[in-house]
């Protein structure tokens, strides 16, 4: 479904952002938040909380 696709895209975005901008950059943190939101909507609460 769309959430699985969104999860994949957000994981890729986060990985690139961490690599290029670093883990503390505001855009990286926004990407992390977006991924956590998608994970939460899929019921993957433990993984979302660990972010």
Protein backbone atom coordinates (compact mmCIF):
# COMPACT_ATOMS: atom_id res chain seq x y z
CA UNK A 1 0.00 0.00 0.00
CA UNK A 2 0.89 3.63 0.14
CA UNK A 3 2.30 3.48 3.68
CA UNK A 4 4.85 0.86 2.67
CA UNK A 5 5.89 3.04 -0.26
CA UNK A 6 6.06 6.10 1.98
CA UNK A 7 8.14 4.17 4.52
CA UNK A 8 10.63 3.15 1.85
CA UNK A 9 10.91 6.69 0.49
CA UNK A 10 11.32 8.17 3.96
CA UNK A 11 14.02 5.64 4.86
CA UNK A 12 15.96 6.57 1.72
CA UNK A 13 15.56 10.28 2.39
CA UNK A 14 16.69 9.89 5.99
CA UNK A 15 19.75 7.84 5.01
CA UNK A 16 20.83 10.43 2.44
CA UNK A 17 20.18 13.33 4.78
CA UNK A 18 22.23 11.73 7.56
CA UNK A 19 25.06 11.06 5.11
CA UNK A 20 25.11 14.50 3.47
CA UNK A 21 23.92 16.86 6.21
CA UNK A 22 24.69 14.94 9.40
CA UNK A 23 22.47 13.48 12.11
CA UNK A 24 21.74 16.77 13.91
CA UNK A 25 20.78 18.90 10.91
CA UNK A 26 17.19 20.23 11.02
CA UNK A 27 16.29 18.59 7.69
CA UNK A 28 17.63 15.25 8.94
CA UNK A 29 15.55 15.56 12.09
CA UNK A 30 12.49 16.44 10.00
CA UNK A 31 13.09 13.34 7.86
CA UNK A 32 13.34 11.25 11.02
CA UNK A 33 10.07 12.69 12.28
CA UNK A 34 8.35 11.98 8.96
CA UNK A 35 9.53 8.37 9.02
CA UNK A 36 8.41 7.96 12.63
CA UNK A 37 4.97 9.26 11.65
CA UNK A 38 4.64 6.77 8.80
CA UNK A 39 5.79 3.94 11.05
CA UNK A 40 3.25 4.97 13.68
CA UNK A 41 0.43 4.96 11.15
CA UNK A 42 1.40 1.38 10.30
CA UNK A 43 1.30 0.32 13.94
CA UNK A 44 5.09 -0.02 14.16
CA UNK A 45 5.13 1.89 17.43
CA UNK A 46 8.29 0.40 18.96
CA UNK A 47 10.36 1.30 15.91
CA UNK A 48 8.79 4.77 15.72
CA UNK A 49 9.50 5.42 19.40
CA UNK A 50 13.12 4.36 19.06
CA UNK A 51 13.74 7.17 16.61
